[in-house]
Protein backbone atom coordinates (compact mmCIF):
# COMPACT_ATOMS: atom_id res chain seq x y z
CA MET A 1 -9.33 -12.05 5.90
CA ARG A 2 -6.82 -14.42 4.32
CA VAL A 3 -3.08 -13.92 4.87
CA SER A 4 -0.52 -16.06 3.07
CA ARG A 5 2.29 -17.19 5.33
CA LYS A 6 4.12 -18.44 2.23
CA PHE A 7 4.01 -15.00 0.59
CA ILE A 8 5.55 -13.40 3.68
CA GLU A 9 8.28 -16.01 4.01
CA ASP A 10 9.15 -16.09 0.30
CA THR A 11 9.30 -12.29 0.10
CA VAL A 12 11.37 -11.80 3.23
CA MET A 13 13.89 -14.49 2.42
CA SER A 14 14.25 -13.37 -1.20
CA TYR A 15 15.06 -9.80 -0.18
CA HIS A 16 17.19 -10.87 2.77
CA ALA A 17 19.41 -13.04 0.58
CA SER A 18 19.88 -10.25 -1.95
CA PHE A 19 20.43 -7.53 0.65
CA SER A 20 22.92 -9.62 2.62
CA ALA A 21 25.03 -10.02 -0.52
CA ASP A 22 25.36 -6.24 -0.85
CA LYS A 23 28.09 -4.25 0.84
CA ASN A 24 28.31 -0.75 2.34
CA TRP A 25 25.01 -0.75 4.19
CA CYS A 26 26.08 2.52 5.81
CA ASN A 27 25.42 4.47 2.62
CA ILE A 28 21.66 3.96 3.06
CA SER A 29 21.60 4.03 6.86
CA ALA A 30 20.18 7.56 7.02
CA LEU A 31 17.52 7.13 4.33
CA ALA A 32 13.83 7.32 5.22
CA PRO A 33 10.79 6.01 3.27
CA VAL A 34 10.27 9.06 1.06
CA ASN A 35 10.15 9.66 -2.70
CA THR A 36 13.85 10.43 -3.04
CA SER A 37 14.89 7.11 -1.47
CA TYR A 38 12.76 4.71 -3.48
CA ALA A 39 14.84 4.87 -6.66
CA LYS A 40 17.86 3.32 -4.89
CA ARG A 41 17.87 -0.42 -5.44
CA LYS A 42 19.62 -1.17 -2.16
CA TYR A 43 17.12 0.92 -0.22
CA GLN A 44 14.24 -0.90 -1.92
CA LYS A 45 15.53 -4.11 -0.37
CA ILE A 46 15.65 -2.84 3.21
CA TYR A 47 12.28 -1.15 2.65
CA ALA A 48 10.80 -4.51 1.62
CA LEU A 49 12.21 -6.27 4.67
CA ARG A 50 10.89 -3.68 7.10
CA PHE A 51 7.52 -2.79 5.64
CA ILE A 52 6.16 -5.17 2.99
CA PRO A 53 4.84 -7.97 5.27
CA ALA A 54 2.88 -5.55 7.47
CA TYR A 55 1.66 -3.48 4.53
CA TYR A 56 0.56 -6.67 2.78
CA PHE A 57 -1.33 -7.61 5.95
CA GLU A 58 -3.18 -4.27 5.92
CA TYR A 59 -4.05 -4.65 2.24
CA CYS A 60 -5.40 -8.12 2.99
CA ALA A 61 -7.80 -6.49 5.45
CA LEU A 62 -8.83 -3.97 2.79
CA ALA A 63 -9.16 -6.62 0.06
CA SER A 64 -11.38 -8.69 2.34
CA LEU A 65 -13.66 -5.69 2.88
CA LEU A 66 -13.77 -5.09 -0.87
CA ARG A 67 -14.70 -8.71 -1.53
CA SER A 68 -17.63 -8.46 0.87
CA ARG A 69 -18.92 -5.36 -0.93
CA LEU A 70 -18.51 -6.90 -4.37
CA ASN A 71 -20.20 -10.12 -3.33
CA ALA A 72 -23.14 -8.21 -1.88
CA LEU A 73 -23.52 -6.39 -5.19
CA LYS A 74 -23.00 -9.62 -7.18
CA ILE A 75 -20.05 -8.06 -9.02
CA LYS A 76 -17.82 -10.80 -10.43
CA ASP A 77 -15.04 -8.89 -12.22
CA VAL A 78 -13.26 -5.56 -11.67
CA LYS A 79 -10.33 -3.61 -13.03
CA ILE A 80 -8.07 -2.15 -10.37
CA ALA A 81 -5.57 0.75 -10.48
CA SER A 82 -3.00 1.17 -7.73
CA PHE A 83 -1.38 4.63 -7.52
CA GLY A 84 2.14 4.68 -6.08
CA CYS A 85 2.14 0.90 -5.92
CA GLY A 86 5.86 0.40 -5.28
CA LEU A 87 6.53 -3.34 -4.94
CA CYS A 88 2.81 -4.07 -5.27
CA PRO A 89 2.05 -5.94 -2.03
CA ASP A 90 -1.58 -4.92 -2.57
CA TYR A 91 -1.68 -7.13 -5.67
CA TYR A 92 -0.80 -10.22 -3.63
CA ALA A 93 -3.40 -9.27 -0.99
CA LEU A 94 -6.03 -9.06 -3.71
CA GLU A 95 -4.95 -12.40 -5.15
CA GLU A 96 -5.37 -13.99 -1.73
CA ASN A 97 -8.68 -12.38 -0.83
CA LEU A 98 -10.73 -11.70 -3.98
CA LEU A 99 -11.77 -15.34 -4.21
CA GLY A 100 -14.34 -15.96 -6.92
CA ILE A 101 -13.85 -12.49 -8.38
CA ASP A 102 -11.84 -11.94 -11.55
CA PHE A 103 -9.68 -8.85 -11.48
CA GLU A 104 -7.12 -7.08 -13.60
CA TYR A 105 -4.49 -5.05 -11.73
CA VAL A 106 -2.49 -2.14 -13.11
CA GLY A 107 0.15 -0.61 -10.85
CA PHE A 108 1.36 2.95 -11.43
CA ASP A 109 4.50 4.41 -9.90
CA ARG A 110 6.94 7.20 -10.69
CA VAL A 111 9.85 4.87 -9.79
CA HIS A 112 10.80 1.72 -11.68
CA TRP A 113 11.23 -0.36 -8.49
CA SER A 114 13.78 -2.64 -10.10
CA THR A 115 13.66 -5.09 -7.17
CA GLN A 116 10.25 -6.31 -8.28
CA ASP A 117 12.27 -9.19 -9.70
CA LEU A 118 12.74 -10.35 -6.09
CA MET A 119 9.00 -10.53 -5.41
CA PRO A 120 7.05 -13.80 -5.81
CA PRO A 121 5.67 -14.53 -9.30
CA LYS A 122 2.57 -12.67 -10.47
CA GLY A 123 -0.28 -13.77 -12.71
CA ASP A 124 -1.35 -12.67 -16.15
CA ASN A 125 -3.77 -10.22 -14.55
CA PHE A 126 -0.86 -7.98 -13.42
CA SER A 127 0.80 -5.07 -15.20
CA PHE A 128 3.05 -2.21 -14.06
CA ARG A 129 3.54 1.21 -15.58
CA VAL A 130 6.22 3.76 -14.70
CA GLU A 131 3.94 6.76 -14.84
CA LEU A 132 2.77 9.54 -12.55
CA ALA A 133 -0.78 9.06 -11.32
CA ASP A 134 -1.68 12.69 -12.00
CA GLY A 135 -0.47 12.28 -15.58
CA LEU A 136 -3.35 9.96 -16.43
CA ASP A 137 -6.15 11.57 -18.40
CA GLU A 138 -9.82 10.78 -18.06
CA GLY A 139 -9.72 8.30 -20.94
CA GLU A 140 -7.18 6.15 -19.13
CA ILE A 141 -9.23 6.26 -15.92
CA ASP A 142 -12.47 5.18 -17.59
CA ASP A 143 -12.06 1.40 -17.37
CA PHE A 144 -11.17 1.13 -13.68
CA ASP A 145 -13.66 0.11 -11.01
CA VAL A 146 -11.33 0.21 -8.00
CA PHE A 147 -8.59 2.69 -7.11
CA ILE A 148 -5.95 2.05 -4.46
CA PHE A 149 -3.80 4.57 -2.62
CA PRO A 150 -1.34 2.25 -0.83
CA LYS A 151 0.13 4.73 1.69
CA SER A 152 0.90 6.94 -1.30
CA ILE A 153 -1.49 9.87 -1.29
CA ARG A 154 0.88 12.29 0.47
CA ASP A 155 3.74 11.31 -1.87
CA ILE A 156 1.50 12.06 -4.85
CA ALA A 157 0.45 15.41 -3.36
CA ASP A 158 4.06 16.32 -2.55
CA SER A 159 5.29 15.50 -6.06
CA ASP A 160 3.66 18.60 -7.54
CA ASP A 161 1.42 21.40 -6.21
CA GLU A 162 -1.39 20.47 -8.61
CA ALA A 163 -0.87 16.69 -8.69
CA LEU A 164 -3.77 15.76 -6.46
CA VAL A 165 -6.10 18.30 -8.08
CA ASP A 166 -5.28 16.95 -11.53
CA LEU A 167 -5.80 13.36 -10.41
CA ALA A 168 -9.09 14.26 -8.71
CA ARG A 169 -10.28 15.87 -11.95
CA SER A 170 -9.53 12.70 -13.90
CA LEU A 171 -11.13 10.42 -11.32
CA SER A 172 -14.28 12.51 -11.12
CA GLY A 173 -14.70 12.13 -14.89
CA SER A 174 -15.14 8.36 -14.59
CA PRO A 175 -18.15 7.12 -16.61
CA LYS A 176 -18.67 4.26 -14.14
CA LYS A 177 -21.82 4.23 -12.05
CA ARG A 178 -19.98 2.71 -9.08
CA ILE A 179 -16.32 3.01 -8.09
CA PHE A 180 -14.38 2.03 -4.98
CA PHE A 181 -11.35 3.45 -3.19
CA MET A 182 -9.04 1.37 -1.02
CA ASN A 183 -7.01 3.92 0.95
CA SER A 184 -4.16 3.13 3.30
CA PHE A 185 -2.45 6.00 5.10
CA VAL A 186 1.01 6.46 6.58
CA CYS A 187 0.71 7.03 10.31
CA THR A 188 3.06 7.39 13.23
CA LYS A 189 3.22 4.86 16.02
CA GLY A 190 -0.16 4.36 17.64
CA GLN A 191 -1.74 7.55 16.29
CA ARG A 192 -4.19 8.41 13.54
CA SER A 193 -2.70 9.45 10.23
CA LEU A 194 -2.29 13.11 9.31
CA ASP A 195 -2.67 12.12 5.63
CA THR A 196 -6.41 11.41 5.56
CA PRO A 197 -7.38 15.03 4.71
CA TYR A 198 -5.58 14.69 1.37
CA PHE A 199 -8.34 12.44 0.11
CA THR A 200 -10.89 15.22 0.65
CA VAL A 201 -9.65 16.80 -2.59
CA ILE A 202 -10.77 13.69 -4.48
CA HIS A 203 -13.95 13.25 -2.42
CA ASP A 204 -15.11 16.80 -3.15
CA ALA A 205 -14.39 16.45 -6.87
CA LEU A 206 -16.43 13.23 -7.03
CA LEU A 207 -19.41 14.80 -5.25
CA GLU A 208 -19.29 17.80 -7.58
CA ALA A 209 -19.36 15.40 -10.55
CA GLY A 210 -22.56 13.78 -9.29
CA PHE A 211 -21.26 10.87 -7.21
CA SER A 212 -22.56 10.15 -3.72
CA CYS A 213 -20.91 8.21 -0.89
CA GLN A 214 -22.55 6.56 2.10
CA ASP A 215 -19.18 5.85 3.73
CA ASP A 216 -17.54 8.46 5.93
CA HIS A 217 -14.45 9.60 4.01
CA LYS A 218 -12.97 11.05 7.21
CA GLU A 219 -13.31 7.83 9.18
CA THR A 220 -10.64 5.14 9.13
CA PHE A 221 -9.98 1.76 10.67
CA TYR A 222 -7.48 2.76 13.32
CA ARG A 223 -5.86 -0.14 15.13
CA LYS A 224 -8.67 -2.70 15.45
CA LYS A 225 -11.95 -0.81 15.02
CA PRO A 226 -13.09 2.59 13.68
CA GLY A 227 -12.41 5.15 16.36
CA SER A 228 -11.07 2.57 18.82
CA ASP A 229 -8.87 3.73 21.67
CA LYS A 230 -7.74 0.21 22.47
CA SER A 231 -4.04 -0.47 22.52
CA TYR A 232 -2.52 -1.98 19.41
CA ALA A 233 -2.20 -5.70 18.79
CA ALA A 234 0.48 -7.97 17.37
CA LEU A 235 -0.41 -8.90 13.80
CA ILE A 236 0.00 -12.58 14.60
CA SER A 237 -2.71 -12.23 17.27
CA ILE A 238 -5.10 -10.94 14.58
CA ASN A 239 -4.19 -13.61 12.04
CA ASN A 240 -1.88 -16.48 12.97
CA ASN A 241 -0.53 -16.69 9.42
CA PHE A 242 1.46 -13.52 10.00
CA VAL A 243 4.78 -15.15 10.79
CA TYR A 244 7.95 -13.21 9.97
CA PRO A 245 10.87 -15.65 9.52
CA GLY A 246 13.50 -15.00 12.17
CA GLN A 247 16.31 -15.70 9.75
CA GLY A 248 15.11 -12.71 7.73
CA PHE A 249 16.23 -10.16 10.32
CA VAL A 250 19.07 -7.87 9.28
CA VAL A 251 22.06 -8.25 11.59
CA CYS A 252 25.02 -5.92 11.15
CA PRO A 253 28.39 -7.20 12.43
CA GLU A 254 29.60 -3.60 12.76
CA ARG A 255 26.68 -2.41 14.85
CA GLY A 256 27.79 -0.17 17.70
CA SER A 257 31.20 0.58 16.24
CA MET A 258 30.28 4.12 15.07
CA ASP A 259 28.29 7.02 16.48
CA ASP A 260 25.88 6.83 13.53
CA CYS A 261 24.85 3.32 14.55
CA GLU A 262 22.40 4.78 17.06
CA THR A 263 20.26 6.28 14.28
CA CYS A 264 20.81 3.58 11.64
CA ASN A 265 17.70 2.78 9.60
CA VAL A 266 19.09 -0.51 8.27
CA VAL A 267 18.97 -2.61 11.43
CA LYS A 268 15.57 -1.44 12.65
CA ARG A 269 13.03 -4.12 13.42
CA PRO A 270 10.23 -4.82 10.89
CA ILE A 271 6.65 -3.84 11.70
CA PHE A 272 4.92 -6.57 13.71
CA SER A 273 1.83 -4.81 15.08
CA ASN A 274 -1.18 -2.87 13.84
CA GLU A 275 -0.03 0.37 15.48
CA PHE A 276 0.84 1.74 12.02
CA MET A 277 -2.43 0.68 10.35
CA ASP A 278 -4.94 3.32 9.24
CA TYR A 279 -7.17 2.49 6.28
CA GLN A 280 -10.61 2.85 4.72
CA LEU A 281 -12.83 1.45 1.99
CA LEU A 282 -15.07 3.98 0.22
CA GLU A 283 -17.82 3.32 -2.32
CA TYR A 284 -19.06 6.07 -4.67
CA VAL A 285 -22.24 5.75 -6.70
CA LYS A 286 -23.68 7.91 -9.48
CA GLU A 287 -27.38 7.60 -10.29
């Protein structure tokens, strides 16, 4: 697994400089990482500072697993769709880890994510579409070899009662003989995610359409190993390139001056360990 220390530093310092120039941090202090918050430009900045480095790290692990599969199959180019991509940290993880494999990345999200202009530069193989994942028809799905749910599957399911069913129908209509899913799930501290069952809707639709899967769609990489009960580890102990710049921490000069400071979501520490990691790589084949 390759992790770019430069990507982490450039991203953190870019967002920190922009966020520090803003005023009235209190007006986003109660916001949580949910659909309704993501459209707010100021919240996008604090979201990036808290979550993007660790999420990028997790996607690096997934991208490395994907590269091993593709190399074993002698696949040299793929087209990738990321559903609910947000600021697209998965793209940078793919860039770092899909060495020797050409890929085209298309990110889909219901929110514009205007602070993408603060992210590091992207290549010509990147594109972004403000579009709901469940709004894609089978024809638009046809060209993709890899599908990513970057901690987004619950958000997609919650957006509409039939959203996941509609998306599963489109995915199961893929004419490809082999497709991959890189799934990352939101989980609470040190516990398995409650979001993994959402993917069963897609899994069942794929099997009904004639696909088979040798991977266990209910199993995930939790902490260090599948099913491990070991305590979590600092990300830097897994890969020493995970270095979060200390000058990127958010420090509020008014902290402690109001009762609401105790529950403020602005000055929380970023994620530094794998206690929030829960992910899987699934390969589906149709004879």
